[in-house]
Amino acid sequence: MLDFTWKVFSMTGNIDTYLLLKELETDSDYQSEEREEAIAISENTTH
């Protein structure tokens, strides 16, 4: 999804597309952090 959004932005220069890209990146980073925390918690509870 990020690659597609970047391609659209790079081809059009549309600022709304760029803002969408940044929002998607932020959401992706947040979800990665949550996933890492969940894994750490599960590892701590299973040992």
Foldseek 3Di string as FASTA:
>chain_A
DLVVLVVVCVVPVDVVSVVVSVVVVVVVVVVVVVVVVVVVVVVVVVD
